[in-house]
C-alpha atoms as a PDB file:
ATOM      1  CA  MET A   1     115.599 118.742  96.550  1.00  0.00           C
ATOM      2  CA  SER A   2     112.783 119.611  98.991  1.00  0.00           C
ATOM      3  CA  THR A   3     112.799 118.531 102.632  1.00  0.00           C
ATOM      4  CA  ILE A   4     110.120 115.938 101.912  1.00  0.00           C
ATOM      5  CA  GLY A   5     112.143 114.678  98.967  1.00  0.00           C
ATOM      6  CA  GLN A   6     115.260 114.392 101.142  1.00  0.00           C
ATOM      7  CA  LEU A   7     113.336 112.378 103.744  1.00  0.00           C
ATOM      8  CA  TRP A   8     111.645 110.163 101.138  1.00  0.00           C
ATOM      9  CA  HIS A   9     114.715 109.410  99.023  1.00  0.00           C
ATOM     10  CA  PRO A  10     116.393 106.939 101.456  1.00  0.00           C
ATOM     11  CA  ILE A  11     113.065 105.096 101.861  1.00  0.00           C
ATOM     12  CA  TRP A  12     112.588 104.961  98.097  1.00  0.00           C
ATOM     13  CA  LEU A  13     116.173 103.781  97.598  1.00  0.00           C
ATOM     14  CA  LEU A  14     115.764 101.017 100.196  1.00  0.00           C
ATOM     15  CA  TRP A  15     112.440  99.904  98.670  1.00  0.00           C
ATOM     16  CA  TRP A  16     113.840  99.818  95.149  1.00  0.00           C
ATOM     17  CA  THR A  17     117.000  97.995  96.254  1.00  0.00           C
ATOM     18  CA  VAL A  18     115.120  95.356  98.250  1.00  0.00           C
ATOM     19  CA  ILE A  19     112.133  94.845  95.931  1.00  0.00           C
ATOM     20  CA  GLY A  20     112.545  96.629  92.606  1.00  0.00           C
ATOM     21  CA  VAL A  21     116.051  95.481  91.685  1.00  0.00           C
ATOM     22  CA  PRO A  22     115.389  91.761  92.390  1.00  0.00           C
ATOM     23  CA  ILE A  23     112.106  91.855  90.427  1.00  0.00           C
ATOM     24  CA  HIS A  24     113.842  93.513  87.491  1.00  0.00           C
ATOM     25  CA  ALA A  25     116.691  90.987  87.613  1.00  0.00           C
ATOM     26  CA  VAL A  26     114.361  87.969  87.825  1.00  0.00           C
ATOM     27  CA  LEU A  27     112.142  89.231  85.002  1.00  0.00           C
ATOM     28  CA  LYS A  28     115.207  89.861  82.830  1.00  0.00           C
ATOM     29  CA  ALA A  29     116.547  86.365  83.589  1.00  0.00           C
ATOM     30  CA  LEU A  30     113.180  84.766  82.793  1.00  0.00           C
ATOM     31  CA  LEU A  31     112.974  86.589  79.473  1.00  0.00           C
ATOM     32  CA  ALA A  32     116.494  85.469  78.593  1.00  0.00           C
ATOM     33  CA  PHE A  33     115.601  81.885  79.523  1.00  0.00           C
ATOM     34  CA  LEU A  34     112.406  81.964  77.425  1.00  0.00           C
ATOM     35  CA  ASN A  35     114.071  83.566  74.437  1.00  0.00           C
ATOM     36  CA  GLY A  36     113.849  81.186  71.490  1.00  0.00           C
ATOM     37  CA  ASN A  37     111.472  78.778  73.239  1.00  0.00           C
ATOM     38  CA  PRO A  38     108.806  77.922  70.609  1.00  0.00           C
ATOM     39  CA  ILE A  39     105.989  77.558  73.164  1.00  0.00           C
ATOM     40  CA  ALA A  40     106.846  80.846  74.871  1.00  0.00           C
ATOM     41  CA  ASP A  41     107.179  82.560  71.500  1.00  0.00           C
ATOM     42  CA  ALA A  42     103.724  81.310  70.492  1.00  0.00           C
ATOM     43  CA  ILE A  43     102.092  82.517  73.720  1.00  0.00           C
ATOM     44  CA  GLY A  44     104.199  85.614  74.231  1.00  0.00           C
ATOM     45  CA  PRO A  45     107.455  85.443  76.212  1.00  0.00           C
ATOM     46  CA  PHE A  46     106.711  88.579  78.217  1.00  0.00           C
ATOM     47  CA  GLY A  47     103.358  87.194  79.369  1.00  0.00           C
ATOM     48  CA  VAL A  48     104.881  83.825  80.244  1.00  0.00           C
ATOM     49  CA  ALA A  49     107.642  85.594  82.174  1.00  0.00           C
ATOM     50  CA  ILE A  50     105.054  87.591  84.170  1.00  0.00           C
ATOM     51  CA  VAL A  51     103.157  84.386  85.018  1.00  0.00           C
ATOM     52  CA  LEU A  52     106.345  82.663  86.217  1.00  0.00           C
ATOM     53  CA  LEU A  53     107.409  85.757  88.160  1.00  0.00           C
ATOM     54  CA  THR A  54     103.980  85.927  89.813  1.00  0.00           C
ATOM     55  CA  ILE A  55     104.135  82.284  90.892  1.00  0.00           C
ATOM     56  CA  LEU A  56     107.606  82.848  92.338  1.00  0.00           C
ATOM     57  CA  ILE A  57     106.444  85.896  94.305  1.00  0.00           C
ATOM     58  CA  LYS A  58     103.385  84.037  95.599  1.00  0.00           C
ATOM     59  CA  LEU A  59     105.520  81.104  96.735  1.00  0.00           C
ATOM     60  CA  ILE A  60     107.708  83.516  98.705  1.00  0.00           C
ATOM     61  CA  ILE A  61     104.825  85.259 100.487  1.00  0.00           C
ATOM     62  CA  SER A  62     102.528  82.220 100.747  1.00  0.00           C
ATOM     63  CA  PRO A  63     103.489  81.472 104.408  1.00  0.00           C
ATOM     64  CA  ILE A  64     102.119  84.886 105.396  1.00  0.00           C
ATOM     65  CA  PHE A  65      98.888  84.257 103.500  1.00  0.00           C
ATOM     66  CA  GLN A  66      98.586  80.818 105.092  1.00  0.00           C
ATOM     67  CA  TYR A  67      99.030  82.330 108.557  1.00  0.00           C
ATOM     68  CA  GLN A  68      96.287  84.869 107.787  1.00  0.00           C
ATOM     69  CA  LEU A  69      93.914  82.149 106.574  1.00  0.00           C
ATOM     70  CA  THR A  70      94.592  79.905 109.583  1.00  0.00           C
ATOM     71  CA  THR A  71      94.029  82.791 112.010  1.00  0.00           C
ATOM     72  CA  SER A  72      90.859  83.847 110.218  1.00  0.00           C
ATOM     73  CA  ARG A  73      89.504  80.297 110.284  1.00  0.00           C
ATOM     74  CA  ARG A  74      90.144  79.969 114.027  1.00  0.00           C
ATOM     75  CA  VAL A  75      88.461  83.303 114.797  1.00  0.00           C
ATOM     76  CA  GLN A  76      85.438  82.454 112.637  1.00  0.00           C
ATOM     77  CA  ALA A  77      85.037  79.099 114.402  1.00  0.00           C
ATOM     78  CA  GLU A  78      85.185  80.797 117.808  1.00  0.00           C
ATOM     79  CA  GLN A  79      82.675  83.439 116.730  1.00  0.00           C
ATOM     80  CA  ARG A  80      80.228  80.778 115.586  1.00  0.00           C
ATOM     81  CA  ARG A  81      80.667  79.003 118.927  1.00  0.00           C
ATOM     82  CA  ILE A  82      79.832  82.100 120.989  1.00  0.00           C
ATOM     83  CA  ALA A  83      77.110  83.356 118.613  1.00  0.00           C
ATOM     84  CA  PRO A  84      74.229  82.400 120.975  1.00  0.00           C
ATOM     85  CA  GLN A  85      75.900  84.191 123.903  1.00  0.00           C
ATOM     86  CA  LEU A  86      76.602  87.208 121.731  1.00  0.00           C
ATOM     87  CA  ALA A  87      72.975  87.326 120.577  1.00  0.00           C
ATOM     88  CA  ALA A  88      71.800  87.198 124.194  1.00  0.00           C
ATOM     89  CA  ILE A  89      74.110  90.085 125.159  1.00  0.00           C
ATOM     90  CA  ARG A  90      72.878  92.189 122.233  1.00  0.00           C
ATOM     91  CA  LYS A  91      69.264  91.554 123.202  1.00  0.00           C
ATOM     92  CA  LYS A  92      69.876  92.321 126.875  1.00  0.00           C
ATOM     93  CA  TYR A  93      71.829  95.541 126.361  1.00  0.00           C
ATOM     94  CA  LYS A  94      70.372  96.796 123.064  1.00  0.00           C
ATOM     95  CA  LYS A  95      69.373 100.086 124.728  1.00  0.00           C
ATOM     96  CA  ASP A  96      72.753 100.559 126.403  1.00  0.00           C
ATOM     97  CA  PRO A  97      75.481 100.721 123.678  1.00  0.00           C
ATOM     98  CA  GLN A  98      78.283 101.356 126.155  1.00  0.00           C
ATOM     99  CA  ARG A  99      77.402  98.333 128.303  1.00  0.00           C
ATOM    100  CA  LEU A 100      76.827  96.280 125.151  1.00  0.00           C
ATOM    101  CA  ASN A 101      80.338  97.079 123.975  1.00  0.00           C
ATOM    102  CA  GLN A 102      81.836  96.282 127.388  1.00  0.00           C
ATOM    103  CA  GLU A 103      80.066  92.915 127.651  1.00  0.00           C
ATOM    104  CA  THR A 104      80.943  92.025 124.056  1.00  0.00           C
ATOM    105  CA  MET A 105      84.620  92.785 124.648  1.00  0.00           C
ATOM    106  CA  ALA A 106      84.526  90.783 127.868  1.00  0.00           C
ATOM    107  CA  LEU A 107      83.057  87.801 126.018  1.00  0.00           C
ATOM    108  CA  TYR A 108      85.734  88.076 123.328  1.00  0.00           C
ATOM    109  CA  LYS A 109      88.432  88.252 125.989  1.00  0.00           C
ATOM    110  CA  GLU A 110      87.010  85.226 127.823  1.00  0.00           C
ATOM    111  CA  HIS A 111      87.235  83.150 124.639  1.00  0.00           C
ATOM    112  CA  ASN A 112      90.580  84.635 123.551  1.00  0.00           C
ATOM    113  CA  ILE A 113      89.117  86.251 120.432  1.00  0.00           C
ATOM    114  CA  ASN A 114      90.760  89.313 118.954  1.00  0.00           C
ATOM    115  CA  PRO A 115      87.956  91.258 117.204  1.00  0.00           C
ATOM    116  CA  LEU A 116      90.576  92.893 114.966  1.00  0.00           C
ATOM    117  CA  ALA A 117      92.010  89.551 113.842  1.00  0.00           C
ATOM    118  CA  GLN A 118      89.773  89.586 110.764  1.00  0.00           C
ATOM    119  CA  MET A 119      91.693  92.654 109.620  1.00  0.00           C
ATOM    120  CA  SER A 120      94.644  90.337 109.056  1.00  0.00           C
ATOM    121  CA  GLY A 121      92.942  89.668 105.734  1.00  0.00           C
ATOM    122  CA  CYS A 122      94.435  92.955 104.609  1.00  0.00           C
ATOM    123  CA  LEU A 123      97.964  91.709 105.329  1.00  0.00           C
ATOM    124  CA  PRO A 124      98.609  89.985 101.986  1.00  0.00           C
ATOM    125  CA  ALA A 125      97.288  93.037 100.135  1.00  0.00           C
ATOM    126  CA  LEU A 126      99.530  95.350 102.163  1.00  0.00           C
ATOM    127  CA  ILE A 127     102.549  93.158 101.481  1.00  0.00           C
ATOM    128  CA  GLN A 128     101.760  92.988  97.767  1.00  0.00           C
ATOM    129  CA  SER A 129     101.392  96.774  97.459  1.00  0.00           C
ATOM    130  CA  PRO A 130     105.137  97.586  97.341  1.00  0.00           C
ATOM    131  CA  ILE A 131     105.608  94.584  95.017  1.00  0.00           C
ATOM    132  CA  LEU A 132     102.909  95.857  92.666  1.00  0.00           C
ATOM    133  CA  ILE A 133     104.411  99.350  92.650  1.00  0.00           C
ATOM    134  CA  ALA A 134     107.870  97.965  91.869  1.00  0.00           C
ATOM    135  CA  LEU A 135     106.374  95.724  89.192  1.00  0.00           C
ATOM    136  CA  PHE A 136     104.662  98.761  87.670  1.00  0.00           C
ATOM    137  CA  TYR A 137     107.990 100.541  87.232  1.00  0.00           C
ATOM    138  CA  VAL A 138     109.738  97.421  85.960  1.00  0.00           C
ATOM    139  CA  ILE A 139     107.002  96.784  83.392  1.00  0.00           C
ATOM    140  CA  ARG A 140     106.880 100.453  82.392  1.00  0.00           C
ATOM    141  CA  ASP A 141     110.605 100.399  81.644  1.00  0.00           C
ATOM    142  CA  ALA A 142     110.303  97.056  79.857  1.00  0.00           C
ATOM    143  CA  HIS A 143     107.621  98.498  77.606  1.00  0.00           C
ATOM    144  CA  LYS A 144     110.228 100.836  76.123  1.00  0.00           C
ATOM    145  CA  THR A 145     112.212  97.975  74.624  1.00  0.00           C
ATOM    146  CA  LEU A 146     109.946  94.903  74.599  1.00  0.00           C
ATOM    147  CA  PRO A 147     106.850  94.231  72.473  1.00  0.00           C
ATOM    148  CA  ILE A 148     103.862  93.258  74.583  1.00  0.00           C
ATOM    149  CA  GLN A 149     102.135  90.414  72.816  1.00  0.00           C
ATOM    150  CA  PHE A 150      98.992  90.140  74.921  1.00  0.00           C
ATOM    151  CA  VAL A 151      97.528  93.611  74.306  1.00  0.00           C
ATOM    152  CA  ALA A 152      94.425  91.900  72.898  1.00  0.00           C
ATOM    153  CA  LEU A 153      93.680  90.767  76.457  1.00  0.00           C
ATOM    154  CA  ALA A 154      93.604  94.354  77.752  1.00  0.00           C
ATOM    155  CA  ILE A 155      89.845  94.136  78.377  1.00  0.00           C
ATOM    156  CA  LEU A 156      89.569  90.466  79.351  1.00  0.00           C
ATOM    157  CA  LEU A 157      92.332  90.625  81.979  1.00  0.00           C
ATOM    158  CA  PRO A 158      90.711  93.444  84.036  1.00  0.00           C
ATOM    159  CA  LEU A 159      87.428  91.506  83.975  1.00  0.00           C
ATOM    160  CA  LEU A 160      89.238  88.383  85.190  1.00  0.00           C
ATOM    161  CA  ALA A 161      91.044  90.464  87.822  1.00  0.00           C
ATOM    162  CA  GLY A 162      87.709  91.701  89.171  1.00  0.00           C
ATOM    163  CA  LEU A 163      86.080  88.257  88.978  1.00  0.00           C
ATOM    164  CA  THR A 164      88.909  86.438  90.766  1.00  0.00           C
ATOM    165  CA  THR A 165      88.969  89.170  93.422  1.00  0.00           C
ATOM    166  CA  PHE A 166      85.236  88.610  93.975  1.00  0.00           C
ATOM    167  CA  VAL A 167      85.729  84.837  94.265  1.00  0.00           C
ATOM    168  CA  GLN A 168      88.576  85.225  96.738  1.00  0.00           C
ATOM    169  CA  THR A 169      86.617  87.729  98.839  1.00  0.00           C
ATOM    170  CA  LYS A 170      83.591  85.424  98.990  1.00  0.00           C
ATOM    171  CA  MET A 171      85.825  82.528 100.004  1.00  0.00           C
ATOM    172  CA  MET A 172      87.131  84.615 102.901  1.00  0.00           C
ATOM    173  CA  THR A 173      83.589  85.036 104.227  1.00  0.00           C
ATOM    174  CA  PRO A 174      82.664  82.254 106.664  1.00  0.00           C
ATOM    175  CA  ARG A 175      80.142  79.648 105.550  1.00  0.00           C
ATOM    176  CA  GLY A 176      76.658  80.964 106.174  1.00  0.00           C
ATOM    177  CA  GLY A 177      77.648  84.338 104.755  1.00  0.00           C
ATOM    178  CA  VAL A 178      77.483  87.572 106.709  1.00  0.00           C
ATOM    179  CA  GLY A 179      74.941  85.971 109.040  1.00  0.00           C
ATOM    180  CA  ALA A 180      77.869  84.254 110.763  1.00  0.00           C
ATOM    181  CA  GLN A 181      79.411  87.639 111.584  1.00  0.00           C
ATOM    182  CA  ASP A 182      78.428  90.506 113.855  1.00  0.00           C
ATOM    183  CA  ALA A 183      76.822  93.640 112.385  1.00  0.00           C
ATOM    184  CA  THR A 184      80.045  95.602 111.955  1.00  0.00           C
ATOM    185  CA  GLN A 185      81.913  92.743 110.294  1.00  0.00           C
ATOM    186  CA  ALA A 186      78.882  91.945 108.116  1.00  0.00           C
ATOM    187  CA  ALA A 187      78.769  95.528 106.822  1.00  0.00           C
ATOM    188  CA  MET A 188      82.524  95.522 106.151  1.00  0.00           C
ATOM    189  CA  THR A 189      82.309  92.171 104.382  1.00  0.00           C
ATOM    190  CA  GLN A 190      79.436  93.272 102.159  1.00  0.00           C
ATOM    191  CA  ASN A 191      81.230  96.477 101.214  1.00  0.00           C
ATOM    192  CA  MET A 192      84.496  94.679 100.486  1.00  0.00           C
ATOM    193  CA  THR A 193      82.732  91.998  98.439  1.00  0.00           C
ATOM    194  CA  MET A 194      81.097  94.573  96.173  1.00  0.00           C
ATOM    195  CA  ILE A 195      83.654  97.375  96.073  1.00  0.00           C
ATOM    196  CA  MET A 196      86.988  95.559  95.834  1.00  0.00           C
ATOM    197  CA  PRO A 197      86.323  93.628  92.585  1.00  0.00           C
ATOM    198  CA  VAL A 198      85.082  96.784  90.862  1.00  0.00           C
ATOM    199  CA  PHE A 199      88.042  98.783  92.156  1.00  0.00           C
ATOM    200  CA  ILE A 200      90.565  96.155  91.069  1.00  0.00           C
ATOM    201  CA  GLY A 201      88.942  95.839  87.636  1.00  0.00           C
ATOM    202  CA  PHE A 202      88.972  99.613  87.159  1.00  0.00           C
ATOM    203  CA  ILE A 203      92.585  99.955  88.269  1.00  0.00           C
ATOM    204  CA  SER A 204      93.580  97.099  85.955  1.00  0.00           C
ATOM    205  CA  LEU A 205      92.082  98.979  83.012  1.00  0.00           C
ATOM    206  CA  GLN A 206      94.264 101.998  83.731  1.00  0.00           C
ATOM    207  CA  PHE A 207      97.634 100.257  83.780  1.00  0.00           C
ATOM    208  CA  ALA A 208      99.643  97.844  81.681  1.00  0.00           C
ATOM    209  CA  ALA A 209      98.018  94.504  80.881  1.00  0.00           C
ATOM    210  CA  ALA A 210     100.972  92.783  82.559  1.00  0.00           C
ATOM    211  CA  LEU A 211      99.862  94.158  85.927  1.00  0.00           C
ATOM    212  CA  ALA A 212      96.360  92.771  85.409  1.00  0.00           C
ATOM    213  CA  LEU A 213      97.921  89.455  84.416  1.00  0.00           C
ATOM    214  CA  TYR A 214      99.955  89.492  87.636  1.00  0.00           C
ATOM    215  CA  TRP A 215      96.798  90.124  89.665  1.00  0.00           C
ATOM    216  CA  VAL A 216      94.817  87.359  87.949  1.00  0.00           C
ATOM    217  CA  VAL A 217      97.549  84.742  88.385  1.00  0.00           C
ATOM    218  CA  SER A 218      98.144  85.903  91.964  1.00  0.00           C
ATOM    219  CA  ASN A 219      94.440  85.570  92.771  1.00  0.00           C
ATOM    220  CA  LEU A 220      94.213  82.111  91.183  1.00  0.00           C
ATOM    221  CA  PHE A 221      97.206  80.979  93.258  1.00  0.00           C
ATOM    222  CA  SER A 222      95.615  82.370  96.434  1.00  0.00           C
ATOM    223  CA  ILE A 223      92.227  80.820  95.623  1.00  0.00           C
ATOM    224  CA  GLY A 224      93.863  77.398  95.297  1.00  0.00           C
ATOM    225  CA  GLN A 225      95.782  77.838  98.552  1.00  0.00           C
ATOM    226  CA  GLN A 226      92.692  79.116 100.329  1.00  0.00           C
ATOM    227  CA  TYR A 227      90.544  76.213  99.124  1.00  0.00           C
ATOM    228  CA  PHE A 228      92.868  73.638 100.681  1.00  0.00           C
ATOM    229  CA  ILE A 229      93.008  75.532 103.997  1.00  0.00           C
ATOM    230  CA  THR A 230      89.487  76.880 104.550  1.00  0.00           C
ATOM    231  CA  GLY A 231      87.368  75.477 101.714  1.00  0.00           C
ATOM    232  CA  TRP A 232      84.920  77.550  99.663  1.00  0.00           C
ATOM    233  CA  GLY A 233      83.717  79.791 102.496  1.00  0.00           C
ATOM    234  CA  SER A 234      80.412  81.435 101.534  1.00  0.00           C
ATOM    235  CA  LEU A 235      81.036  80.859  97.826  1.00  0.00           C
ATOM    236  CA  SER A 236      78.738  78.321  96.192  1.00  0.00           C
ATOM    237  CA  PRO A 237      80.699  76.934  93.224  1.00  0.00           C
ATOM    238  CA  PRO A 238      79.365  74.409  90.703  1.00  0.00           C
ATOM    239  CA  ARG A 239      79.107  70.951  92.263  1.00  0.00           C
ATOM    240  CA  PHE A 240      82.260  69.480  90.781  1.00  0.00           C
ATOM    241  CA  GLY A 241      83.959  68.958  94.146  1.00  0.00           C
ATOM    242  CA  ARG A 242      83.636  69.514  97.843  1.00  0.00           C
ATOM    243  CA  GLY A 243      85.882  71.702  99.965  1.00  0.00           C
ATOM    244  CA  LYS A 244      86.807  71.290 103.579  1.00  0.00           C
ATOM    245  CA  ALA A 245      84.550  72.814 106.141  1.00  0.00           C
ATOM    246  CA  ALA A 246      85.463  76.373 106.928  1.00  0.00           C
END
């Protein structure tokens, strides 16, 4: 074993023990529970098991996502409140980037705004990454012995994964769109809004349909949670209801 392999093996073993083994055990238990259930058999027990497993995982990590949403909402409200002052600073020091940065940081500090707080939006994705990797291996092994009954959804699921990612990203943008953000955040938001859904859809096409199903259900869960905390954000859904103000 190489030196890198020797260093990586304990990390891999810890990750698999903490995340992979429990996911495998829960999925196996769910499949055993659903075995012989007429409704599950009609839909596809493996797909139903993935949906239930996804909901369980989301319930476990939902406090982290809620913290991220609450923090993001507070920062967005503060940024809207200081927007006139920020615009004045940009106009006054537009020819002096260094002074502009200093005055902007001073304004943020005065109002207790962390300009990097918006990056907390990446936290749920970072936390889900090791879960997704473990799920990939669990599903890959399950494919050797279990028939996957939702292969017909192999195209639809990646499309739904991309669409729900787009919806969630738009909901994370403050009401008023990128106009409510500074130039750097606006550029990042626009890039994330366009690139992430395409990336997720493409990745979903490359792997097992069960992973795409996990992503779709996970996104739907997050969209529901996000709606009750921050509302629709910059998304303009059909007028069948009204969300809380972001």
